[in-house]
Amino acid sequence: MQKLAEICVRRPVFATMLILSLTVVGVFSFRSLGVDLFPKIDLPTITVSVINPGASPQEIETEITDKVEGAVNTISGIDELRSTSVEGVSQVFISFVLEKNADVAAQEVRNKIELIVNELPETAEAPIVQKLDTDATPVLRIAVSAPRSLREVTDMADKQIKRQIEPISGVGNVEIVGGRQREIEVWVDPDKMRAFNISAADVANAVKAQNMELPGGRPRGSLECDGDGFGVPSCSLACATACCTCGAGILGSAARGKAGWGGFRSIGTSSSQKSSYLARVE
């Protein structure tokens, strides 16, 4: 360092040119410097999400969150383990030390979660294991409004706008927030439920038993069904049989359904004497 100072004192032109060259290189480097709102950082943080529609926060914590935490707690290299239990959703955040490879950590978490899948409630959806990706943050939000009903606006956003944005190069994912989805609403009659000695869980199980698709083979000739005037296509033969044999005839007397807009996707109904095939809503 002292030698460089002596050269700069004895050769001032050399020192001036050296400083100017560093300044020019710095200016050009600054102009080409990339700027990113969320820089690419591979943080070893894994998120485990489990959805159980209709479950209270207490049930989510005891039946899902505690089991997930107990399963992943034995993985080595965990720096922080925290969770959030809200109505219908359980989220467990696992932060590893920086020396831990994120891909290896995600695979270890998946292996541990697979061991407790059978212990989770039957109504819970499959656990989702994801790595924390800062690049996955939405960069563009589009608000859709029109002088139409919310049902029509939702249908337009889903079948027109979303499908035109998805094929664009560089688009990773398009999600619709808000709106109304089609559903079948089921109202139960408490008096008739007491008369038949059934509970709301029995009604829910009867609906689930009818919400299935089974291979029914290839029928020959015409196919007719005495199902309240509904014509049954060949693919619904197994569903119509299921309605008649699963004992869901009580459902038609204790509950009634109506097409609407919300959460459910499909439902089947039956009466004590006649049955109708599974009406699938798309």
C-alpha atoms as a PDB file:
ATOM      1  CA  MET A   1       0.000   0.000   0.000  1.00  0.00           C
ATOM      2  CA  GLN A   2       2.903   2.348   0.797  1.00  0.00           C
ATOM      3  CA  LYS A   3       4.527   1.514  -2.533  1.00  0.00           C
ATOM      4  CA  LEU A   4       1.338   2.467  -4.417  1.00  0.00           C
ATOM      5  CA  ALA A   5       1.202   5.777  -2.552  1.00  0.00           C
ATOM      6  CA  GLU A   6       4.800   6.566  -3.528  1.00  0.00           C
ATOM      7  CA  ILE A   7       4.056   5.812  -7.221  1.00  0.00           C
ATOM      8  CA  CYS A   8       0.973   8.043  -7.198  1.00  0.00           C
ATOM      9  CA  VAL A   9       2.977  10.926  -5.662  1.00  0.00           C
ATOM     10  CA  ARG A  10       5.837  10.604  -8.150  1.00  0.00           C
ATOM     11  CA  ARG A  11       3.548   9.956 -11.154  1.00  0.00           C
ATOM     12  CA  PRO A  12       0.393  12.116 -10.756  1.00  0.00           C
ATOM     13  CA  VAL A  13      -0.719  11.502 -14.360  1.00  0.00           C
ATOM     14  CA  PHE A  14      -0.727   7.741 -13.757  1.00  0.00           C
ATOM     15  CA  ALA A  15      -2.772   8.185 -10.580  1.00  0.00           C
ATOM     16  CA  THR A  16      -5.284  10.409 -12.370  1.00  0.00           C
ATOM     17  CA  MET A  17      -5.738   7.931 -15.254  1.00  0.00           C
ATOM     18  CA  LEU A  18      -6.133   5.053 -12.805  1.00  0.00           C
ATOM     19  CA  ILE A  19      -8.922   6.848 -10.940  1.00  0.00           C
ATOM     20  CA  LEU A  20     -10.658   7.884 -14.176  1.00  0.00           C
ATOM     21  CA  SER A  21     -10.566   4.317 -15.519  1.00  0.00           C
ATOM     22  CA  LEU A  22     -12.141   2.977 -12.336  1.00  0.00           C
ATOM     23  CA  THR A  23     -14.807   5.701 -12.511  1.00  0.00           C
ATOM     24  CA  VAL A  24     -15.693   4.877 -16.137  1.00  0.00           C
ATOM     25  CA  VAL A  25     -15.924   1.151 -15.405  1.00  0.00           C
ATOM     26  CA  GLY A  26     -18.140   1.883 -12.402  1.00  0.00           C
ATOM     27  CA  VAL A  27     -20.512   4.084 -14.425  1.00  0.00           C
ATOM     28  CA  PHE A  28     -21.010   1.468 -17.146  1.00  0.00           C
ATOM     29  CA  SER A  29     -21.424  -1.296 -14.548  1.00  0.00           C
ATOM     30  CA  PHE A  30     -24.037   0.719 -12.688  1.00  0.00           C
ATOM     31  CA  ARG A  31     -26.083   1.255 -15.877  1.00  0.00           C
ATOM     32  CA  SER A  32     -26.159  -2.492 -16.581  1.00  0.00           C
ATOM     33  CA  LEU A  33     -26.840  -3.477 -12.975  1.00  0.00           C
ATOM     34  CA  GLY A  34     -30.043  -5.519 -12.681  1.00  0.00           C
ATOM     35  CA  VAL A  35     -32.738  -4.452 -10.249  1.00  0.00           C
ATOM     36  CA  ASP A  36     -35.291  -6.933  -8.895  1.00  0.00           C
ATOM     37  CA  LEU A  37     -38.048  -6.261  -6.407  1.00  0.00           C
ATOM     38  CA  PHE A  38     -37.638  -9.804  -5.031  1.00  0.00           C
ATOM     39  CA  PRO A  39     -34.109 -11.043  -5.754  1.00  0.00           C
ATOM     40  CA  LYS A  40     -33.646 -14.746  -6.410  1.00  0.00           C
ATOM     41  CA  ILE A  41     -32.838 -16.189  -2.995  1.00  0.00           C
ATOM     42  CA  ASP A  42     -33.105 -19.912  -2.387  1.00  0.00           C
ATOM     43  CA  LEU A  43     -34.219 -19.896   1.250  1.00  0.00           C
ATOM     44  CA  PRO A  44     -34.550 -23.353   2.852  1.00  0.00           C
ATOM     45  CA  THR A  45     -38.111 -22.753   4.037  1.00  0.00           C
ATOM     46  CA  ILE A  46     -40.823 -25.363   3.421  1.00  0.00           C
ATOM     47  CA  THR A  47     -44.579 -24.874   3.806  1.00  0.00           C
ATOM     48  CA  VAL A  48     -47.026 -27.714   4.477  1.00  0.00           C
ATOM     49  CA  SER A  49     -50.675 -26.827   3.804  1.00  0.00           C
ATOM     50  CA  VAL A  50     -53.644 -29.067   4.602  1.00  0.00           C
ATOM     51  CA  ILE A  51     -57.250 -28.091   3.841  1.00  0.00           C
ATOM     52  CA  ASN A  52     -60.175 -29.596   5.743  1.00  0.00           C
ATOM     53  CA  PRO A  53     -63.352 -27.715   4.704  1.00  0.00           C
ATOM     54  CA  GLY A  54     -65.710 -26.841   7.530  1.00  0.00           C
ATOM     55  CA  ALA A  55     -63.385 -27.772  10.396  1.00  0.00           C
ATOM     56  CA  SER A  56     -63.013 -25.348  13.304  1.00  0.00           C
ATOM     57  CA  PRO A  57     -59.581 -23.939  14.252  1.00  0.00           C
ATOM     58  CA  GLN A  58     -59.482 -26.182  17.345  1.00  0.00           C
ATOM     59  CA  GLU A  59     -60.113 -29.294  15.250  1.00  0.00           C
ATOM     60  CA  ILE A  60     -57.529 -28.187  12.691  1.00  0.00           C
ATOM     61  CA  GLU A  61     -54.909 -27.763  15.406  1.00  0.00           C
ATOM     62  CA  THR A  62     -55.506 -31.061  17.224  1.00  0.00           C
ATOM     63  CA  GLU A  63     -56.255 -33.331  14.250  1.00  0.00           C
ATOM     64  CA  ILE A  64     -53.885 -31.921  11.621  1.00  0.00           C
ATOM     65  CA  THR A  65     -51.380 -29.299  12.792  1.00  0.00           C
ATOM     66  CA  ASP A  66     -50.104 -31.209  15.824  1.00  0.00           C
ATOM     67  CA  LYS A  67     -49.632 -34.372  13.753  1.00  0.00           C
ATOM     68  CA  VAL A  68     -47.754 -32.558  11.010  1.00  0.00           C
ATOM     69  CA  GLU A  69     -45.503 -30.802  13.511  1.00  0.00           C
ATOM     70  CA  GLY A  70     -44.773 -34.072  15.298  1.00  0.00           C
ATOM     71  CA  ALA A  71     -43.836 -35.758  12.024  1.00  0.00           C
ATOM     72  CA  VAL A  72     -41.471 -33.080  10.682  1.00  0.00           C
ATOM     73  CA  ASN A  73     -39.961 -32.180  14.060  1.00  0.00           C
ATOM     74  CA  THR A  74     -37.494 -35.076  13.792  1.00  0.00           C
ATOM     75  CA  ILE A  75     -35.860 -33.736  10.603  1.00  0.00           C
ATOM     76  CA  SER A  76     -32.333 -32.490  11.172  1.00  0.00           C
ATOM     77  CA  GLY A  77     -31.311 -28.899  10.514  1.00  0.00           C
ATOM     78  CA  ILE A  78     -34.572 -27.190  11.543  1.00  0.00           C
ATOM     79  CA  ASP A  79     -34.010 -23.598  12.637  1.00  0.00           C
ATOM     80  CA  GLU A  80     -37.639 -22.560  13.270  1.00  0.00           C
ATOM     81  CA  LEU A  81     -40.964 -24.387  13.269  1.00  0.00           C
ATOM     82  CA  ARG A  82     -44.211 -22.437  13.425  1.00  0.00           C
ATOM     83  CA  SER A  83     -47.790 -23.062  12.379  1.00  0.00           C
ATOM     84  CA  THR A  84     -51.097 -21.336  11.728  1.00  0.00           C
ATOM     85  CA  SER A  85     -54.473 -22.990  12.285  1.00  0.00           C
ATOM     86  CA  VAL A  86     -57.546 -21.196  10.961  1.00  0.00           C
ATOM     87  CA  GLU A  87     -60.981 -22.413   9.949  1.00  0.00           C
ATOM     88  CA  GLY A  88     -60.545 -25.164   7.380  1.00  0.00           C
ATOM     89  CA  VAL A  89     -56.815 -24.581   6.765  1.00  0.00           C
ATOM     90  CA  SER A  90     -53.638 -25.708   8.506  1.00  0.00           C
ATOM     91  CA  GLN A  91     -50.249 -24.263   7.544  1.00  0.00           C
ATOM     92  CA  VAL A  92     -46.914 -25.359   8.982  1.00  0.00           C
ATOM     93  CA  PHE A  93     -43.795 -23.321   8.174  1.00  0.00           C
ATOM     94  CA  ILE A  94     -40.446 -25.121   8.537  1.00  0.00           C
ATOM     95  CA  SER A  95     -37.319 -22.947   8.330  1.00  0.00           C
ATOM     96  CA  PHE A  96     -33.986 -24.745   8.037  1.00  0.00           C
ATOM     97  CA  VAL A  97     -30.460 -23.468   8.569  1.00  0.00           C
ATOM     98  CA  LEU A  98     -28.935 -21.743   5.543  1.00  0.00           C
ATOM     99  CA  GLU A  99     -26.498 -24.603   4.987  1.00  0.00           C
ATOM    100  CA  LYS A 100     -29.433 -26.964   4.302  1.00  0.00           C
ATOM    101  CA  ASN A 101     -30.208 -27.628   0.650  1.00  0.00           C
ATOM    102  CA  ALA A 102     -33.791 -26.544  -0.080  1.00  0.00           C
ATOM    103  CA  ASP A 103     -34.512 -29.451  -2.442  1.00  0.00           C
ATOM    104  CA  VAL A 104     -33.226 -32.003   0.062  1.00  0.00           C
ATOM    105  CA  ALA A 105     -35.251 -30.378   2.835  1.00  0.00           C
ATOM    106  CA  ALA A 106     -38.432 -30.451   0.739  1.00  0.00           C
ATOM    107  CA  GLN A 107     -37.960 -34.142  -0.055  1.00  0.00           C
ATOM    108  CA  GLU A 108     -37.374 -34.999   3.604  1.00  0.00           C
ATOM    109  CA  VAL A 109     -40.544 -33.146   4.579  1.00  0.00           C
ATOM    110  CA  ARG A 110     -42.549 -34.986   1.889  1.00  0.00           C
ATOM    111  CA  ASN A 111     -41.276 -38.325   3.154  1.00  0.00           C
ATOM    112  CA  LYS A 112     -42.351 -37.500   6.706  1.00  0.00           C
ATOM    113  CA  ILE A 113     -45.780 -36.238   5.610  1.00  0.00           C
ATOM    114  CA  GLU A 114     -46.457 -39.409   3.621  1.00  0.00           C
ATOM    115  CA  LEU A 115     -46.137 -41.413   6.837  1.00  0.00           C
ATOM    116  CA  ILE A 116     -49.043 -39.597   8.529  1.00  0.00           C
ATOM    117  CA  VAL A 117     -51.428 -39.164   5.594  1.00  0.00           C
ATOM    118  CA  ASN A 118     -53.566 -42.078   6.813  1.00  0.00           C
ATOM    119  CA  GLU A 119     -53.801 -40.496  10.275  1.00  0.00           C
ATOM    120  CA  LEU A 120     -55.377 -37.279   8.966  1.00  0.00           C
ATOM    121  CA  PRO A 121     -59.187 -36.882   8.875  1.00  0.00           C
ATOM    122  CA  GLU A 122     -60.946 -38.496   5.936  1.00  0.00           C
ATOM    123  CA  THR A 123     -62.479 -35.151   4.949  1.00  0.00           C
ATOM    124  CA  ALA A 124     -59.046 -33.496   4.700  1.00  0.00           C
ATOM    125  CA  GLU A 125     -57.499 -32.932   1.309  1.00  0.00           C
ATOM    126  CA  ALA A 126     -54.047 -34.210   0.381  1.00  0.00           C
ATOM    127  CA  PRO A 127     -51.228 -32.221   2.061  1.00  0.00           C
ATOM    128  CA  ILE A 128     -49.397 -29.742  -0.166  1.00  0.00           C
ATOM    129  CA  VAL A 129     -45.636 -29.363   0.394  1.00  0.00           C
ATOM    130  CA  GLN A 130     -44.075 -26.282  -1.219  1.00  0.00           C
ATOM    131  CA  LYS A 131     -40.751 -24.497  -1.112  1.00  0.00           C
ATOM    132  CA  LEU A 132     -40.722 -20.782  -0.367  1.00  0.00           C
ATOM    133  CA  ASP A 133     -40.299 -19.093  -3.742  1.00  0.00           C
ATOM    134  CA  THR A 134     -40.023 -15.308  -3.746  1.00  0.00           C
ATOM    135  CA  ASP A 135     -40.440 -15.285  -7.540  1.00  0.00           C
ATOM    136  CA  ALA A 136     -43.944 -16.749  -7.168  1.00  0.00           C
ATOM    137  CA  THR A 137     -45.329 -13.485  -5.815  1.00  0.00           C
ATOM    138  CA  PRO A 138     -48.003 -12.057  -8.159  1.00  0.00           C
ATOM    139  CA  VAL A 139     -46.612  -9.233 -10.280  1.00  0.00           C
ATOM    140  CA  LEU A 140     -49.859  -8.224 -12.003  1.00  0.00           C
ATOM    141  CA  ARG A 141     -53.412  -7.982 -10.695  1.00  0.00           C
ATOM    142  CA  ILE A 142     -56.389  -7.411 -12.973  1.00  0.00           C
ATOM    143  CA  ALA A 143     -59.748  -6.265 -11.623  1.00  0.00           C
ATOM    144  CA  VAL A 144     -62.730  -7.423 -13.681  1.00  0.00           C
ATOM    145  CA  SER A 145     -66.050  -5.598 -13.460  1.00  0.00           C
ATOM    146  CA  ALA A 146     -69.075  -5.441 -15.706  1.00  0.00           C
ATOM    147  CA  PRO A 147     -72.726  -4.347 -15.529  1.00  0.00           C
ATOM    148  CA  ARG A 148     -73.731  -7.986 -15.082  1.00  0.00           C
ATOM    149  CA  SER A 149     -74.377 -10.368 -12.236  1.00  0.00           C
ATOM    150  CA  LEU A 150     -71.467 -11.702 -10.207  1.00  0.00           C
ATOM    151  CA  ARG A 151     -72.156 -15.174 -11.606  1.00  0.00           C
ATOM    152  CA  GLU A 152     -71.697 -13.977 -15.204  1.00  0.00           C
ATOM    153  CA  VAL A 153     -68.578 -11.967 -14.359  1.00  0.00           C
ATOM    154  CA  THR A 154     -67.017 -14.997 -12.659  1.00  0.00           C
ATOM    155  CA  ASP A 155     -67.806 -17.195 -15.644  1.00  0.00           C
ATOM    156  CA  MET A 156     -66.312 -14.602 -18.013  1.00  0.00           C
ATOM    157  CA  ALA A 157     -63.111 -14.286 -15.959  1.00  0.00           C
ATOM    158  CA  ASP A 158     -62.687 -18.064 -15.759  1.00  0.00           C
ATOM    159  CA  LYS A 159     -63.531 -19.143 -19.298  1.00  0.00           C
ATOM    160  CA  GLN A 160     -62.393 -16.129 -21.314  1.00  0.00           C
ATOM    161  CA  ILE A 161     -59.879 -13.862 -19.597  1.00  0.00           C
ATOM    162  CA  LYS A 162     -57.969 -16.547 -17.699  1.00  0.00           C
ATOM    163  CA  ARG A 163     -57.635 -18.819 -20.730  1.00  0.00           C
ATOM    164  CA  GLN A 164     -56.242 -15.983 -22.832  1.00  0.00           C
ATOM    165  CA  ILE A 165     -53.619 -15.002 -20.239  1.00  0.00           C
ATOM    166  CA  GLU A 166     -52.350 -18.515 -19.437  1.00  0.00           C
ATOM    167  CA  PRO A 167     -50.727 -19.236 -22.861  1.00  0.00           C
ATOM    168  CA  ILE A 168     -48.677 -15.995 -22.732  1.00  0.00           C
ATOM    169  CA  SER A 169     -44.946 -16.640 -22.528  1.00  0.00           C
ATOM    170  CA  GLY A 170     -43.549 -16.105 -19.033  1.00  0.00           C
ATOM    171  CA  VAL A 171     -46.861 -16.573 -17.188  1.00  0.00           C
ATOM    172  CA  GLY A 172     -46.436 -19.159 -14.468  1.00  0.00           C
ATOM    173  CA  ASN A 173     -49.858 -19.229 -12.876  1.00  0.00           C
ATOM    174  CA  VAL A 174     -53.198 -17.422 -13.078  1.00  0.00           C
ATOM    175  CA  GLU A 175     -55.594 -17.499 -10.126  1.00  0.00           C
ATOM    176  CA  ILE A 176     -59.075 -16.054  -9.723  1.00  0.00           C
ATOM    177  CA  VAL A 177     -59.785 -14.480  -6.346  1.00  0.00           C
ATOM    178  CA  GLY A 178     -63.377 -13.791  -5.401  1.00  0.00           C
ATOM    179  CA  GLY A 179     -66.388 -14.528  -7.558  1.00  0.00           C
ATOM    180  CA  ARG A 180     -69.020 -17.225  -7.094  1.00  0.00           C
ATOM    181  CA  GLN A 181     -68.724 -20.861  -8.081  1.00  0.00           C
ATOM    182  CA  ARG A 182     -71.627 -23.114  -8.892  1.00  0.00           C
ATOM    183  CA  GLU A 183     -72.873 -25.444  -6.179  1.00  0.00           C
ATOM    184  CA  ILE A 184     -75.737 -27.636  -5.050  1.00  0.00           C
ATOM    185  CA  GLU A 185     -77.240 -26.442  -1.775  1.00  0.00           C
ATOM    186  CA  VAL A 186     -78.752 -29.072   0.540  1.00  0.00           C
ATOM    187  CA  TRP A 187     -81.288 -28.148   3.229  1.00  0.00           C
ATOM    188  CA  VAL A 188     -82.002 -30.755   5.902  1.00  0.00           C
ATOM    189  CA  ASP A 189     -85.316 -31.127   7.713  1.00  0.00           C
ATOM    190  CA  PRO A 190     -84.638 -31.582  11.465  1.00  0.00           C
ATOM    191  CA  ASP A 191     -88.073 -33.107  12.133  1.00  0.00           C
ATOM    192  CA  LYS A 192     -87.734 -35.751   9.429  1.00  0.00           C
ATOM    193  CA  MET A 193     -84.132 -36.430  10.469  1.00  0.00           C
ATOM    194  CA  ARG A 194     -85.324 -37.210  13.995  1.00  0.00           C
ATOM    195  CA  ALA A 195     -88.113 -39.378  12.575  1.00  0.00           C
ATOM    196  CA  PHE A 196     -85.612 -41.426  10.579  1.00  0.00           C
ATOM    197  CA  ASN A 197     -83.085 -41.328  13.446  1.00  0.00           C
ATOM    198  CA  ILE A 198     -80.274 -39.937  11.281  1.00  0.00           C
ATOM    199  CA  SER A 199     -77.788 -37.132  11.868  1.00  0.00           C
ATOM    200  CA  ALA A 200     -76.248 -34.479   9.650  1.00  0.00           C
ATOM    201  CA  ALA A 201     -73.186 -36.694   9.322  1.00  0.00           C
ATOM    202  CA  ASP A 202     -75.373 -39.486   7.912  1.00  0.00           C
ATOM    203  CA  VAL A 203     -76.746 -37.086   5.313  1.00  0.00           C
ATOM    204  CA  ALA A 204     -73.234 -35.980   4.399  1.00  0.00           C
ATOM    205  CA  ASN A 205     -72.104 -39.616   4.089  1.00  0.00           C
ATOM    206  CA  ALA A 206     -75.097 -40.396   1.865  1.00  0.00           C
ATOM    207  CA  VAL A 207     -74.175 -37.510  -0.422  1.00  0.00           C
ATOM    208  CA  LYS A 208     -70.548 -38.665  -0.542  1.00  0.00           C
ATOM    209  CA  ALA A 209     -71.616 -42.236  -1.307  1.00  0.00           C
ATOM    210  CA  GLN A 210     -73.475 -41.013  -4.387  1.00  0.00           C
ATOM    211  CA  ASN A 211     -70.661 -38.735  -5.532  1.00  0.00           C
ATOM    212  CA  MET A 212     -68.687 -41.401  -7.340  1.00  0.00           C
ATOM    213  CA  GLU A 213     -68.001 -42.651 -10.821  1.00  0.00           C
ATOM    214  CA  LEU A 214     -67.585 -46.375 -11.446  1.00  0.00           C
ATOM    215  CA  PRO A 215     -67.088 -48.196 -14.753  1.00  0.00           C
ATOM    216  CA  GLY A 216     -70.456 -49.669 -15.712  1.00  0.00           C
ATOM    217  CA  GLY A 217     -69.405 -51.454 -18.882  1.00  0.00           C
ATOM    218  CA  ARG A 218     -70.962 -50.876 -22.298  1.00  0.00           C
ATOM    219  CA  PRO A 219     -74.738 -51.424 -22.342  1.00  0.00           C
ATOM    220  CA  ARG A 220     -76.392 -52.570 -25.544  1.00  0.00           C
ATOM    221  CA  GLY A 221     -79.696 -51.252 -26.765  1.00  0.00           C
ATOM    222  CA  SER A 222     -81.634 -48.417 -25.162  1.00  0.00           C
ATOM    223  CA  LEU A 223     -81.266 -47.559 -21.490  1.00  0.00           C
ATOM    224  CA  GLU A 224     -84.148 -46.136 -19.472  1.00  0.00           C
ATOM    225  CA  CYS A 225     -84.521 -45.293 -15.809  1.00  0.00           C
ATOM    226  CA  ASP A 226     -87.608 -44.560 -13.741  1.00  0.00           C
ATOM    227  CA  GLY A 227     -85.935 -41.619 -12.027  1.00  0.00           C
ATOM    228  CA  ASP A 228     -88.384 -38.760 -11.693  1.00  0.00           C
ATOM    229  CA  GLY A 229     -88.350 -38.200 -15.429  1.00  0.00           C
ATOM    230  CA  PHE A 230     -84.555 -37.991 -15.791  1.00  0.00           C
ATOM    231  CA  GLY A 231     -82.988 -39.863 -18.678  1.00  0.00           C
ATOM    232  CA  VAL A 232     -79.859 -41.684 -17.495  1.00  0.00           C
ATOM    233  CA  PRO A 233     -76.888 -41.886 -19.896  1.00  0.00           C
ATOM    234  CA  SER A 234     -74.829 -45.066 -20.069  1.00  0.00           C
ATOM    235  CA  CYS A 235     -71.961 -43.581 -18.013  1.00  0.00           C
ATOM    236  CA  SER A 236     -74.333 -43.005 -15.072  1.00  0.00           C
ATOM    237  CA  LEU A 237     -75.607 -46.582 -14.832  1.00  0.00           C
ATOM    238  CA  ALA A 238     -73.337 -47.398 -11.882  1.00  0.00           C
ATOM    239  CA  CYS A 239     -74.322 -44.169 -10.146  1.00  0.00           C
ATOM    240  CA  ALA A 240     -78.015 -44.927 -10.483  1.00  0.00           C
ATOM    241  CA  THR A 241     -77.391 -48.399  -9.036  1.00  0.00           C
ATOM    242  CA  ALA A 242     -75.469 -46.877  -6.149  1.00  0.00           C
ATOM    243  CA  CYS A 243     -78.373 -44.574  -5.336  1.00  0.00           C
ATOM    244  CA  CYS A 244     -80.742 -47.529  -5.076  1.00  0.00           C
ATOM    245  CA  THR A 245     -78.493 -49.835  -3.042  1.00  0.00           C
ATOM    246  CA  CYS A 246     -76.688 -47.529  -0.615  1.00  0.00           C
ATOM    247  CA  GLY A 247     -79.762 -46.838   1.491  1.00  0.00           C
ATOM    248  CA  ALA A 248     -79.815 -43.192   0.502  1.00  0.00           C
ATOM    249  CA  GLY A 249     -83.550 -43.265  -0.069  1.00  0.00           C
ATOM    250  CA  ILE A 250     -83.961 -41.574   3.277  1.00  0.00           C
ATOM    251  CA  LEU A 251     -81.954 -38.631   1.985  1.00  0.00           C
ATOM    252  CA  GLY A 252     -84.677 -37.638  -0.469  1.00  0.00           C
ATOM    253  CA  SER A 253     -87.191 -37.483   2.365  1.00  0.00           C
ATOM    254  CA  ALA A 254     -85.011 -35.753   4.966  1.00  0.00           C
ATOM    255  CA  ALA A 255     -83.239 -33.259   2.710  1.00  0.00           C
ATOM    256  CA  ARG A 256     -83.813 -31.322  -0.454  1.00  0.00           C
ATOM    257  CA  GLY A 257     -81.367 -29.810  -2.919  1.00  0.00           C
ATOM    258  CA  LYS A 258     -81.264 -26.776  -5.137  1.00  0.00           C
ATOM    259  CA  ALA A 259     -78.814 -25.628  -7.784  1.00  0.00           C
ATOM    260  CA  GLY A 260     -76.981 -22.483  -6.827  1.00  0.00           C
ATOM    261  CA  TRP A 261     -73.541 -20.904  -6.714  1.00  0.00           C
ATOM    262  CA  GLY A 262     -70.962 -21.587  -4.018  1.00  0.00           C
ATOM    263  CA  GLY A 263     -68.720 -24.500  -3.049  1.00  0.00           C
ATOM    264  CA  PHE A 264     -70.067 -28.017  -3.763  1.00  0.00           C
ATOM    265  CA  ARG A 265     -69.388 -29.579  -7.164  1.00  0.00           C
ATOM    266  CA  SER A 266     -71.791 -32.508  -7.397  1.00  0.00           C
ATOM    267  CA  ILE A 267     -74.646 -34.277  -5.619  1.00  0.00           C
ATOM    268  CA  GLY A 268     -77.135 -37.086  -6.194  1.00  0.00           C
ATOM    269  CA  THR A 269     -80.711 -37.262  -4.889  1.00  0.00           C
ATOM    270  CA  SER A 270     -83.175 -40.086  -4.423  1.00  0.00           C
ATOM    271  CA  SER A 271     -86.634 -40.674  -2.984  1.00  0.00           C
ATOM    272  CA  SER A 272     -88.111 -43.641  -1.186  1.00  0.00           C
ATOM    273  CA  GLN A 273     -89.554 -45.122  -4.377  1.00  0.00           C
ATOM    274  CA  LYS A 274     -87.690 -43.608  -7.304  1.00  0.00           C
ATOM    275  CA  SER A 275     -84.078 -42.615  -7.814  1.00  0.00           C
ATOM    276  CA  SER A 276     -82.248 -40.190 -10.080  1.00  0.00           C
ATOM    277  CA  TYR A 277     -78.684 -40.522 -11.311  1.00  0.00           C
ATOM    278  CA  LEU A 278     -75.829 -38.438 -10.016  1.00  0.00           C
ATOM    279  CA  ALA A 279     -76.168 -34.891 -11.346  1.00  0.00           C
ATOM    280  CA  ARG A 280     -72.648 -33.635 -11.857  1.00  0.00           C
ATOM    281  CA  VAL A 281     -72.099 -29.867 -11.938  1.00  0.00           C
ATOM    282  CA  GLU A 282     -69.282 -28.550 -14.121  1.00  0.00           C
END
